N, C-alpha and C. Protein backbone atom coordinates (compact mmCIF):
# COMPACT_ATOMS: atom_id res chain seq x y z
N MET A 1 0.85 -1.17 0.00
CA MET A 1 0.00 0.00 0.00
C MET A 1 0.90 1.23 0.00
N LEU A 2 0.54 2.17 -0.87
CA LEU A 2 1.31 3.41 -0.99
C LEU A 2 0.49 4.55 -0.39
N THR A 3 1.10 5.31 0.50
CA THR A 3 0.40 6.42 1.12
C THR A 3 1.31 7.63 1.20
N GLY A 4 0.78 8.71 1.77
CA GLY A 4 1.52 9.95 1.91
C GLY A 4 0.58 11.12 1.79
N GLY A 5 1.03 12.27 2.20
CA GLY A 5 0.21 13.47 2.14
C GLY A 5 0.03 13.98 0.73
N PRO A 6 -0.78 15.02 0.55
CA PRO A 6 -0.99 15.61 -0.77
C PRO A 6 0.33 16.05 -1.39
N GLY A 7 0.51 15.77 -2.67
CA GLY A 7 1.70 16.20 -3.37
C GLY A 7 2.94 15.38 -3.09
N ALA A 8 2.78 14.20 -2.48
CA ALA A 8 3.94 13.38 -2.13
C ALA A 8 4.53 12.65 -3.33
N GLY A 9 3.77 12.55 -4.42
CA GLY A 9 4.27 11.88 -5.62
C GLY A 9 3.68 10.51 -5.86
N LYS A 10 2.61 10.16 -5.14
CA LYS A 10 2.02 8.83 -5.29
C LYS A 10 1.55 8.57 -6.72
N THR A 11 0.86 9.53 -7.31
CA THR A 11 0.31 9.33 -8.65
C THR A 11 1.41 9.09 -9.67
N ALA A 12 2.47 9.89 -9.61
CA ALA A 12 3.57 9.73 -10.56
C ALA A 12 4.26 8.39 -10.37
N ILE A 13 4.49 7.99 -9.13
CA ILE A 13 5.18 6.73 -8.87
C ILE A 13 4.30 5.55 -9.27
N LEU A 14 3.00 5.64 -9.07
CA LEU A 14 2.12 4.56 -9.49
C LEU A 14 2.09 4.42 -11.01
N GLU A 15 2.26 5.52 -11.72
CA GLU A 15 2.37 5.44 -13.19
C GLU A 15 3.64 4.69 -13.59
N VAL A 16 4.73 4.95 -12.89
CA VAL A 16 5.98 4.20 -13.14
C VAL A 16 5.73 2.72 -12.89
N ILE A 17 5.05 2.41 -11.81
CA ILE A 17 4.79 1.01 -11.44
C ILE A 17 3.95 0.32 -12.51
N ARG A 18 2.93 1.01 -13.00
CA ARG A 18 2.07 0.41 -14.03
C ARG A 18 2.85 0.04 -15.28
N HIS A 19 3.85 0.82 -15.61
CA HIS A 19 4.61 0.60 -16.84
C HIS A 19 5.75 -0.38 -16.70
N PHE A 20 6.34 -0.45 -15.50
CA PHE A 20 7.59 -1.20 -15.38
C PHE A 20 7.53 -2.39 -14.43
N PHE A 21 6.41 -2.57 -13.74
CA PHE A 21 6.34 -3.69 -12.80
C PHE A 21 5.72 -4.92 -13.44
N CYS A 22 5.76 -6.00 -12.68
CA CYS A 22 5.25 -7.30 -13.11
C CYS A 22 3.80 -7.21 -13.59
N SER A 23 3.47 -7.95 -14.64
CA SER A 23 2.12 -7.92 -15.19
C SER A 23 1.10 -8.56 -14.26
N HIS A 24 1.55 -9.28 -13.23
CA HIS A 24 0.64 -9.91 -12.28
C HIS A 24 0.18 -8.94 -11.20
N MET A 25 0.61 -7.70 -11.30
CA MET A 25 0.31 -6.70 -10.29
C MET A 25 -0.90 -5.86 -10.71
N ARG A 26 -1.67 -5.47 -9.73
CA ARG A 26 -2.82 -4.59 -9.99
C ARG A 26 -2.74 -3.40 -9.06
N VAL A 27 -3.05 -2.20 -9.58
CA VAL A 27 -3.05 -0.97 -8.80
C VAL A 27 -4.48 -0.47 -8.65
N LEU A 28 -4.90 -0.25 -7.41
CA LEU A 28 -6.23 0.33 -7.17
C LEU A 28 -6.11 1.85 -7.14
N PRO A 29 -7.07 2.55 -7.73
CA PRO A 29 -7.03 4.01 -7.71
C PRO A 29 -7.36 4.55 -6.32
N GLU A 30 -7.08 5.83 -6.13
CA GLU A 30 -7.36 6.48 -4.86
C GLU A 30 -8.86 6.69 -4.70
N ALA A 31 -9.42 6.20 -3.61
CA ALA A 31 -10.86 6.34 -3.37
C ALA A 31 -11.27 7.80 -3.24
N ALA A 32 -10.43 8.62 -2.59
CA ALA A 32 -10.78 10.03 -2.43
C ALA A 32 -10.90 10.73 -3.78
N GLY A 33 -10.05 10.36 -4.73
CA GLY A 33 -10.15 10.93 -6.07
C GLY A 33 -11.46 10.56 -6.75
N ILE A 34 -11.91 9.33 -6.53
CA ILE A 34 -13.19 8.89 -7.09
C ILE A 34 -14.33 9.67 -6.45
N VAL A 35 -14.28 9.81 -5.13
CA VAL A 35 -15.35 10.49 -4.40
C VAL A 35 -15.42 11.97 -4.80
N PHE A 36 -14.32 12.68 -4.65
CA PHE A 36 -14.34 14.12 -4.92
C PHE A 36 -14.36 14.43 -6.41
N GLY A 37 -13.69 13.60 -7.21
CA GLY A 37 -13.74 13.79 -8.66
C GLY A 37 -15.12 13.55 -9.23
N GLY A 38 -15.93 12.76 -8.50
CA GLY A 38 -17.30 12.47 -8.93
C GLY A 38 -18.30 13.49 -8.46
N GLY A 39 -17.85 14.51 -7.74
CA GLY A 39 -18.75 15.59 -7.35
C GLY A 39 -19.22 15.56 -5.92
N PHE A 40 -18.70 14.65 -5.08
CA PHE A 40 -19.09 14.63 -3.68
C PHE A 40 -18.71 15.98 -3.06
N PRO A 41 -19.61 16.63 -2.33
CA PRO A 41 -19.31 17.97 -1.78
C PRO A 41 -18.10 17.96 -0.86
N ARG A 42 -17.29 19.00 -0.99
CA ARG A 42 -16.13 19.16 -0.11
C ARG A 42 -16.34 20.37 0.79
N GLY A 43 -15.57 20.41 1.84
CA GLY A 43 -15.67 21.56 2.74
C GLY A 43 -16.83 21.39 3.70
N GLY A 44 -17.31 22.52 4.22
CA GLY A 44 -18.39 22.47 5.19
C GLY A 44 -17.87 22.16 6.58
N GLY A 45 -18.78 21.87 7.47
CA GLY A 45 -18.43 21.62 8.86
C GLY A 45 -18.01 20.20 9.12
N PRO A 46 -17.85 19.87 10.40
CA PRO A 46 -17.38 18.52 10.77
C PRO A 46 -18.25 17.40 10.23
N GLU A 47 -19.57 17.57 10.22
CA GLU A 47 -20.44 16.49 9.75
C GLU A 47 -20.25 16.24 8.25
N HIS A 48 -19.97 17.29 7.48
CA HIS A 48 -19.68 17.11 6.06
C HIS A 48 -18.39 16.33 5.88
N ARG A 49 -17.39 16.67 6.67
CA ARG A 49 -16.09 15.99 6.57
C ARG A 49 -16.21 14.53 6.99
N LYS A 50 -17.01 14.25 8.01
CA LYS A 50 -17.22 12.87 8.42
C LYS A 50 -17.91 12.08 7.32
N ALA A 51 -18.91 12.69 6.70
CA ALA A 51 -19.63 12.00 5.61
C ALA A 51 -18.68 11.66 4.47
N SER A 52 -17.81 12.59 4.12
CA SER A 52 -16.88 12.33 3.01
C SER A 52 -15.90 11.22 3.38
N GLN A 53 -15.43 11.17 4.62
CA GLN A 53 -14.49 10.12 5.01
C GLN A 53 -15.16 8.76 5.10
N ARG A 54 -16.42 8.72 5.49
CA ARG A 54 -17.14 7.44 5.46
C ARG A 54 -17.31 6.96 4.02
N ALA A 55 -17.66 7.88 3.12
CA ALA A 55 -17.81 7.51 1.70
C ALA A 55 -16.49 6.96 1.15
N ILE A 56 -15.40 7.63 1.45
CA ILE A 56 -14.08 7.18 0.99
C ILE A 56 -13.75 5.81 1.58
N PHE A 57 -14.02 5.61 2.86
CA PHE A 57 -13.75 4.33 3.51
C PHE A 57 -14.49 3.20 2.79
N TYR A 58 -15.79 3.38 2.57
CA TYR A 58 -16.59 2.30 1.97
C TYR A 58 -16.18 2.02 0.52
N ILE A 59 -15.88 3.06 -0.23
CA ILE A 59 -15.42 2.84 -1.60
C ILE A 59 -14.09 2.10 -1.60
N GLN A 60 -13.18 2.49 -0.71
CA GLN A 60 -11.89 1.80 -0.61
C GLN A 60 -12.10 0.32 -0.30
N ARG A 61 -12.94 0.03 0.67
CA ARG A 61 -13.18 -1.36 1.06
C ARG A 61 -13.80 -2.17 -0.06
N GLU A 62 -14.73 -1.57 -0.79
CA GLU A 62 -15.38 -2.31 -1.88
C GLU A 62 -14.41 -2.54 -3.05
N MET A 63 -13.56 -1.57 -3.34
CA MET A 63 -12.55 -1.78 -4.38
C MET A 63 -11.61 -2.91 -3.97
N GLU A 64 -11.20 -2.91 -2.71
CA GLU A 64 -10.32 -3.97 -2.23
C GLU A 64 -11.03 -5.33 -2.30
N ARG A 65 -12.30 -5.35 -1.95
CA ARG A 65 -13.06 -6.60 -1.99
C ARG A 65 -13.13 -7.14 -3.41
N MET A 66 -13.41 -6.28 -4.38
CA MET A 66 -13.45 -6.72 -5.78
C MET A 66 -12.10 -7.25 -6.23
N ALA A 67 -11.04 -6.53 -5.86
CA ALA A 67 -9.69 -6.94 -6.26
C ALA A 67 -9.32 -8.27 -5.62
N GLU A 68 -9.69 -8.47 -4.36
CA GLU A 68 -9.41 -9.74 -3.70
C GLU A 68 -10.13 -10.89 -4.40
N HIS A 69 -11.33 -10.63 -4.89
CA HIS A 69 -12.08 -11.65 -5.63
C HIS A 69 -11.36 -12.04 -6.91
N ASP A 70 -10.75 -11.05 -7.58
CA ASP A 70 -10.00 -11.31 -8.82
C ASP A 70 -8.66 -11.99 -8.54
N ALA A 71 -8.19 -11.90 -7.29
CA ALA A 71 -6.98 -12.56 -6.81
C ALA A 71 -5.73 -12.27 -7.64
N PRO A 72 -5.35 -10.99 -7.81
CA PRO A 72 -4.07 -10.72 -8.46
C PRO A 72 -2.92 -11.17 -7.55
N ALA A 73 -1.77 -11.46 -8.15
CA ALA A 73 -0.62 -11.89 -7.34
C ALA A 73 -0.18 -10.77 -6.40
N ILE A 74 -0.25 -9.52 -6.89
CA ILE A 74 0.18 -8.36 -6.11
C ILE A 74 -0.88 -7.28 -6.26
N LEU A 75 -1.32 -6.72 -5.15
CA LEU A 75 -2.30 -5.65 -5.16
C LEU A 75 -1.69 -4.44 -4.47
N ILE A 76 -1.61 -3.32 -5.18
CA ILE A 76 -1.08 -2.08 -4.60
C ILE A 76 -2.22 -1.07 -4.54
N CYS A 77 -2.46 -0.53 -3.34
CA CYS A 77 -3.51 0.45 -3.15
C CYS A 77 -2.91 1.85 -3.10
N ASP A 78 -3.57 2.77 -3.78
CA ASP A 78 -3.23 4.19 -3.67
C ASP A 78 -3.98 4.71 -2.46
N ARG A 79 -3.31 4.71 -1.32
CA ARG A 79 -3.86 4.97 0.00
C ARG A 79 -4.65 3.75 0.48
N GLY A 80 -4.95 3.75 1.79
CA GLY A 80 -5.72 2.68 2.40
C GLY A 80 -6.75 3.25 3.35
N THR A 81 -7.52 2.38 3.94
CA THR A 81 -8.61 2.83 4.81
C THR A 81 -8.11 3.63 6.01
N VAL A 82 -6.89 3.35 6.46
CA VAL A 82 -6.37 4.03 7.65
C VAL A 82 -6.12 5.52 7.39
N ASP A 83 -5.88 5.90 6.14
CA ASP A 83 -5.65 7.31 5.81
C ASP A 83 -6.80 8.19 6.27
N GLY A 84 -8.01 7.66 6.24
CA GLY A 84 -9.17 8.46 6.61
C GLY A 84 -9.11 9.03 8.01
N ALA A 85 -8.42 8.33 8.92
CA ALA A 85 -8.31 8.81 10.30
C ALA A 85 -7.58 10.16 10.36
N ALA A 86 -6.68 10.40 9.39
CA ALA A 86 -5.94 11.66 9.38
C ALA A 86 -6.82 12.84 8.99
N TYR A 87 -7.92 12.57 8.30
CA TYR A 87 -8.80 13.63 7.82
C TYR A 87 -10.09 13.74 8.63
N TRP A 88 -10.26 12.86 9.59
CA TRP A 88 -11.47 12.88 10.43
C TRP A 88 -11.39 14.10 11.35
N PRO A 89 -12.48 14.86 11.50
CA PRO A 89 -12.43 16.06 12.36
C PRO A 89 -12.10 15.72 13.80
N ARG A 90 -11.40 16.63 14.43
CA ARG A 90 -11.09 16.42 15.85
C ARG A 90 -12.38 16.38 16.63
N PRO A 91 -12.50 15.45 17.58
CA PRO A 91 -13.75 15.31 18.34
C PRO A 91 -14.03 16.51 19.21
N GLU A 92 -15.31 16.79 19.38
CA GLU A 92 -15.73 17.86 20.27
C GLU A 92 -15.93 17.28 21.68
N GLY A 93 -15.77 18.08 22.69
CA GLY A 93 -15.95 17.61 24.06
C GLY A 93 -14.93 16.53 24.39
N ASP A 94 -15.40 15.47 25.07
CA ASP A 94 -14.46 14.40 25.42
C ASP A 94 -14.18 13.49 24.23
N GLY A 95 -15.06 13.54 23.20
CA GLY A 95 -14.81 12.80 21.97
C GLY A 95 -14.92 11.30 22.10
N ASP A 96 -15.45 10.79 23.20
CA ASP A 96 -15.53 9.36 23.41
C ASP A 96 -16.41 8.71 22.34
N GLY A 97 -15.84 7.78 21.59
CA GLY A 97 -16.59 7.09 20.55
C GLY A 97 -16.77 7.89 19.28
N ASP A 98 -16.22 9.08 19.22
CA ASP A 98 -16.40 9.93 18.05
C ASP A 98 -15.16 9.86 17.16
N ASP A 99 -15.00 8.70 16.49
CA ASP A 99 -13.89 8.56 15.57
C ASP A 99 -14.36 7.81 14.33
N LEU A 100 -13.50 7.75 13.33
CA LEU A 100 -13.86 7.07 12.07
C LEU A 100 -14.21 5.62 12.32
N TRP A 101 -13.45 4.96 13.19
CA TRP A 101 -13.61 3.52 13.35
C TRP A 101 -14.95 3.16 13.95
N SER A 102 -15.38 3.87 14.99
CA SER A 102 -16.70 3.58 15.56
C SER A 102 -17.80 3.95 14.56
N SER A 103 -17.54 4.96 13.74
CA SER A 103 -18.54 5.40 12.77
C SER A 103 -18.78 4.36 11.67
N VAL A 104 -17.74 3.57 11.33
CA VAL A 104 -17.90 2.58 10.26
C VAL A 104 -17.86 1.15 10.79
N GLY A 105 -17.87 0.99 12.12
CA GLY A 105 -18.00 -0.34 12.71
C GLY A 105 -16.77 -1.21 12.60
N THR A 106 -15.59 -0.63 12.82
CA THR A 106 -14.37 -1.42 12.79
C THR A 106 -13.39 -0.84 13.80
N THR A 107 -12.15 -1.25 13.76
CA THR A 107 -11.12 -0.71 14.65
C THR A 107 -9.88 -0.39 13.83
N LEU A 108 -9.05 0.46 14.38
CA LEU A 108 -7.78 0.76 13.73
C LEU A 108 -6.95 -0.51 13.57
N GLU A 109 -6.90 -1.33 14.59
CA GLU A 109 -6.10 -2.55 14.56
C GLU A 109 -6.56 -3.48 13.44
N GLU A 110 -7.87 -3.60 13.27
CA GLU A 110 -8.41 -4.46 12.20
C GLU A 110 -8.00 -3.93 10.83
N GLN A 111 -8.05 -2.62 10.65
CA GLN A 111 -7.69 -2.04 9.35
C GLN A 111 -6.19 -2.11 9.10
N ILE A 112 -5.37 -1.91 10.12
CA ILE A 112 -3.92 -2.04 9.97
C ILE A 112 -3.56 -3.44 9.45
N ARG A 113 -4.25 -4.46 9.99
CA ARG A 113 -3.94 -5.86 9.61
C ARG A 113 -4.29 -6.16 8.16
N ARG A 114 -5.09 -5.32 7.54
CA ARG A 114 -5.50 -5.60 6.16
C ARG A 114 -4.35 -5.40 5.16
N TYR A 115 -3.33 -4.69 5.53
CA TYR A 115 -2.27 -4.32 4.60
C TYR A 115 -0.95 -4.98 4.99
N ASP A 116 -0.37 -5.72 4.05
CA ASP A 116 0.87 -6.46 4.33
C ASP A 116 2.05 -5.51 4.56
N ALA A 117 2.10 -4.43 3.80
CA ALA A 117 3.21 -3.48 3.91
C ALA A 117 2.71 -2.09 3.55
N VAL A 118 3.33 -1.08 4.15
CA VAL A 118 2.96 0.32 3.92
C VAL A 118 4.21 1.09 3.52
N ILE A 119 4.13 1.79 2.40
CA ILE A 119 5.22 2.66 1.97
C ILE A 119 4.69 4.09 2.00
N HIS A 120 5.29 4.90 2.86
CA HIS A 120 4.82 6.27 3.07
C HIS A 120 5.77 7.24 2.37
N LEU A 121 5.25 7.96 1.39
CA LEU A 121 6.01 9.01 0.70
C LEU A 121 5.72 10.33 1.41
N ARG A 122 6.74 10.97 1.92
CA ARG A 122 6.53 12.21 2.65
C ARG A 122 6.26 13.37 1.69
N THR A 123 5.40 14.27 2.12
CA THR A 123 5.03 15.44 1.33
C THR A 123 6.13 16.49 1.39
N PRO A 124 6.53 17.06 0.25
CA PRO A 124 7.56 18.11 0.29
C PRO A 124 6.97 19.44 0.75
N ALA A 125 7.82 20.27 1.33
CA ALA A 125 7.42 21.64 1.63
C ALA A 125 7.33 22.40 0.31
N ALA A 126 6.78 23.60 0.34
CA ALA A 126 6.61 24.38 -0.88
C ALA A 126 7.93 24.58 -1.62
N ALA A 127 9.00 24.77 -0.86
CA ALA A 127 10.30 25.03 -1.48
C ALA A 127 10.87 23.80 -2.17
N ASN A 128 10.35 22.62 -1.82
CA ASN A 128 10.87 21.38 -2.40
C ASN A 128 9.95 20.75 -3.42
N GLY A 129 9.01 21.52 -3.96
CA GLY A 129 8.24 21.00 -5.08
C GLY A 129 6.76 20.80 -4.89
N TYR A 130 6.18 21.19 -3.74
CA TYR A 130 4.72 21.04 -3.60
C TYR A 130 4.03 21.99 -4.58
N ASN A 131 3.00 21.46 -5.26
CA ASN A 131 2.29 22.29 -6.24
C ASN A 131 0.81 21.92 -6.28
N HIS A 132 0.06 22.64 -7.12
CA HIS A 132 -1.37 22.40 -7.26
C HIS A 132 -1.72 21.92 -8.66
N GLU A 133 -0.85 21.12 -9.28
CA GLU A 133 -1.13 20.62 -10.63
C GLU A 133 -2.35 19.70 -10.65
N ASN A 134 -2.58 18.97 -9.57
CA ASN A 134 -3.76 18.12 -9.46
C ASN A 134 -4.94 19.03 -9.07
N PRO A 135 -6.00 19.10 -9.91
CA PRO A 135 -7.11 20.01 -9.60
C PRO A 135 -7.89 19.63 -8.34
N LEU A 136 -7.75 18.38 -7.86
CA LEU A 136 -8.43 17.97 -6.64
C LEU A 136 -7.63 18.32 -5.39
N ARG A 137 -6.42 18.83 -5.58
CA ARG A 137 -5.56 19.18 -4.44
C ARG A 137 -5.87 20.61 -4.02
N ILE A 138 -6.48 20.77 -2.87
CA ILE A 138 -6.91 22.10 -2.43
C ILE A 138 -6.10 22.63 -1.26
N GLU A 139 -5.24 21.78 -0.68
CA GLU A 139 -4.49 22.18 0.50
C GLU A 139 -3.34 23.13 0.16
N SER A 140 -3.05 24.04 1.07
CA SER A 140 -1.83 24.84 0.95
C SER A 140 -0.65 23.92 1.27
N ALA A 141 0.56 24.40 1.03
CA ALA A 141 1.75 23.60 1.34
C ALA A 141 1.78 23.25 2.84
N ALA A 142 1.46 24.21 3.68
CA ALA A 142 1.47 23.96 5.14
C ALA A 142 0.40 22.94 5.52
N GLU A 143 -0.78 23.04 4.93
CA GLU A 143 -1.85 22.08 5.22
C GLU A 143 -1.49 20.69 4.73
N ALA A 144 -0.81 20.61 3.58
CA ALA A 144 -0.40 19.32 3.04
C ALA A 144 0.61 18.64 3.96
N VAL A 145 1.56 19.42 4.47
CA VAL A 145 2.56 18.87 5.40
C VAL A 145 1.89 18.39 6.68
N GLU A 146 0.90 19.13 7.17
CA GLU A 146 0.18 18.72 8.38
C GLU A 146 -0.63 17.45 8.12
N ALA A 147 -1.27 17.34 6.96
CA ALA A 147 -1.99 16.11 6.61
C ALA A 147 -1.04 14.93 6.55
N ASP A 148 0.14 15.16 5.99
CA ASP A 148 1.15 14.11 5.89
C ASP A 148 1.57 13.64 7.29
N ARG A 149 1.73 14.59 8.22
CA ARG A 149 2.10 14.23 9.59
C ARG A 149 1.02 13.36 10.23
N LYS A 150 -0.24 13.72 10.02
CA LYS A 150 -1.34 12.96 10.60
C LYS A 150 -1.45 11.57 9.98
N ILE A 151 -1.18 11.47 8.67
CA ILE A 151 -1.19 10.16 8.02
C ILE A 151 -0.09 9.28 8.60
N ALA A 152 1.10 9.86 8.78
CA ALA A 152 2.21 9.10 9.38
C ALA A 152 1.83 8.61 10.77
N GLU A 153 1.16 9.44 11.53
CA GLU A 153 0.73 9.06 12.88
C GLU A 153 -0.30 7.94 12.82
N ALA A 154 -1.24 8.03 11.86
CA ALA A 154 -2.29 7.02 11.75
C ALA A 154 -1.72 5.64 11.45
N TRP A 155 -0.68 5.59 10.60
CA TRP A 155 -0.08 4.31 10.20
C TRP A 155 1.08 3.88 11.10
N SER A 156 1.39 4.62 12.12
CA SER A 156 2.62 4.40 12.88
C SER A 156 2.72 3.03 13.53
N SER A 157 1.61 2.37 13.78
CA SER A 157 1.66 1.05 14.44
C SER A 157 1.82 -0.10 13.45
N HIS A 158 1.86 0.19 12.16
CA HIS A 158 2.03 -0.91 11.20
C HIS A 158 3.43 -1.50 11.33
N PRO A 159 3.54 -2.82 11.42
CA PRO A 159 4.85 -3.43 11.66
C PRO A 159 5.79 -3.42 10.45
N ARG A 160 5.26 -3.20 9.25
CA ARG A 160 6.11 -3.20 8.05
C ARG A 160 5.88 -1.90 7.29
N ARG A 161 6.38 -0.84 7.85
CA ARG A 161 6.19 0.49 7.26
C ARG A 161 7.54 1.05 6.85
N THR A 162 7.61 1.51 5.61
CA THR A 162 8.81 2.15 5.08
C THR A 162 8.48 3.61 4.80
N VAL A 163 9.30 4.51 5.31
CA VAL A 163 9.08 5.95 5.09
C VAL A 163 10.14 6.47 4.13
N ILE A 164 9.69 7.13 3.08
CA ILE A 164 10.59 7.71 2.09
C ILE A 164 10.46 9.21 2.16
N GLU A 165 11.53 9.86 2.58
CA GLU A 165 11.50 11.30 2.79
C GLU A 165 11.45 12.06 1.46
N ALA A 166 10.92 13.27 1.53
CA ALA A 166 10.90 14.15 0.35
C ALA A 166 12.32 14.52 -0.02
N THR A 167 12.61 14.58 -1.30
CA THR A 167 13.93 14.95 -1.78
C THR A 167 13.79 16.04 -2.84
N PRO A 168 14.79 16.90 -2.98
CA PRO A 168 14.72 17.93 -4.02
C PRO A 168 14.63 17.31 -5.42
N ASP A 169 15.22 16.13 -5.58
CA ASP A 169 15.21 15.44 -6.86
C ASP A 169 14.17 14.32 -6.81
N PHE A 170 13.07 14.48 -7.54
CA PHE A 170 11.98 13.51 -7.46
C PHE A 170 12.39 12.14 -7.97
N LEU A 171 13.26 12.08 -8.97
CA LEU A 171 13.66 10.78 -9.51
C LEU A 171 14.33 9.93 -8.44
N SER A 172 15.09 10.56 -7.56
CA SER A 172 15.72 9.83 -6.46
C SER A 172 14.65 9.25 -5.54
N LYS A 173 13.63 10.03 -5.23
CA LYS A 173 12.54 9.57 -4.38
C LYS A 173 11.79 8.43 -5.05
N ALA A 174 11.54 8.56 -6.35
CA ALA A 174 10.84 7.52 -7.10
C ALA A 174 11.63 6.22 -7.09
N ALA A 175 12.94 6.32 -7.26
CA ALA A 175 13.79 5.13 -7.26
C ALA A 175 13.74 4.43 -5.91
N GLN A 176 13.74 5.20 -4.82
CA GLN A 176 13.63 4.61 -3.48
C GLN A 176 12.29 3.90 -3.31
N ALA A 177 11.21 4.52 -3.82
CA ALA A 177 9.88 3.92 -3.70
C ALA A 177 9.80 2.62 -4.49
N VAL A 178 10.35 2.63 -5.71
CA VAL A 178 10.35 1.43 -6.54
C VAL A 178 11.14 0.31 -5.85
N ASP A 179 12.29 0.65 -5.29
CA ASP A 179 13.09 -0.35 -4.58
C ASP A 179 12.32 -0.93 -3.39
N ALA A 180 11.63 -0.06 -2.66
CA ALA A 180 10.88 -0.51 -1.48
C ALA A 180 9.73 -1.42 -1.90
N LEU A 181 9.03 -1.07 -2.96
CA LEU A 181 7.94 -1.91 -3.45
C LEU A 181 8.47 -3.24 -3.98
N ARG A 182 9.55 -3.17 -4.70
CA ARG A 182 10.14 -4.39 -5.26
C ARG A 182 10.55 -5.35 -4.15
N ALA A 183 11.05 -4.82 -3.05
CA ALA A 183 11.47 -5.66 -1.93
C ALA A 183 10.30 -6.41 -1.30
N GLU A 184 9.08 -5.90 -1.47
CA GLU A 184 7.90 -6.54 -0.89
C GLU A 184 7.27 -7.56 -1.82
N MET A 185 7.76 -7.65 -3.06
CA MET A 185 7.17 -8.55 -4.04
C MET A 185 7.71 -9.97 -3.90
N PRO A 186 6.93 -10.97 -4.33
CA PRO A 186 7.45 -12.34 -4.36
C PRO A 186 8.69 -12.40 -5.27
N GLU A 187 9.59 -13.29 -4.96
CA GLU A 187 10.84 -13.39 -5.72
C GLU A 187 10.59 -13.59 -7.21
N CYS A 188 9.58 -14.38 -7.55
CA CYS A 188 9.32 -14.64 -8.97
C CYS A 188 8.93 -13.38 -9.72
N CYS A 189 8.25 -12.44 -9.05
CA CYS A 189 7.81 -11.21 -9.70
C CYS A 189 8.91 -10.16 -9.75
N ARG A 190 9.86 -10.22 -8.82
CA ARG A 190 10.93 -9.22 -8.81
C ARG A 190 11.73 -9.23 -10.10
N ARG A 191 11.86 -10.40 -10.71
CA ARG A 191 12.66 -10.51 -11.93
C ARG A 191 12.01 -9.80 -13.10
N HIS A 192 10.70 -9.49 -12.97
CA HIS A 192 9.98 -8.83 -14.06
C HIS A 192 9.93 -7.32 -13.92
N VAL A 193 10.57 -6.79 -12.88
CA VAL A 193 10.59 -5.34 -12.67
C VAL A 193 11.74 -4.72 -13.45
N VAL A 194 11.42 -3.70 -14.26
CA VAL A 194 12.46 -2.98 -14.99
C VAL A 194 13.07 -1.96 -14.04
N PRO A 195 14.38 -2.00 -13.81
CA PRO A 195 14.99 -1.04 -12.86
C PRO A 195 14.77 0.40 -13.32
N LEU A 196 14.51 1.27 -12.37
CA LEU A 196 14.35 2.70 -12.66
C LEU A 196 15.72 3.35 -12.71
N LEU A 197 15.98 4.06 -13.78
CA LEU A 197 17.28 4.73 -13.90
C LEU A 197 17.40 5.79 -12.83
N ARG A 198 18.55 5.83 -12.18
CA ARG A 198 18.78 6.80 -11.12
C ARG A 198 19.47 8.02 -11.70
N PRO A 199 19.35 9.18 -11.06
CA PRO A 199 19.99 10.40 -11.56
C PRO A 199 21.50 10.29 -11.49
């Protein structure tokens, strides 16, 4: 599973993966892109934000369920269900029971177990390449970095998590991500990966 804050480079790296990785691999699109790209309202108060995160959670789970039925050798998700916790509004009052997991009838631990490995691409600061080329990206550079921090916190208990820091040279970051993904693949599939040229 590939995650990271807005502008971390997930989309570009997944394009590299689609072209150069084993044909037995399948990439699932980002659920948030499907939700917001399809016109689901953004913004508003806490209840609007909760509704959007529940929608993203259920779409993510159903995409994963369909992919599991097709049984590809390797399944790579563009974000996972745990990412939603980073975007869930802070609870009001004592906040007891007011979290994404109680809202969708699961637990963080159950969702963490769904993913064999997590590769986290860190979001760059504005000076290191954060931009708004993606029309669905509405966060400022500071907001993107804060979202990235919350995503890192949400996934912090995963036992097989690799963090790839932002670099001034994106190709170097992409090469690290490809290496990390390749290391998680079965040996038979690793031989089918075309090495990414390094700078």
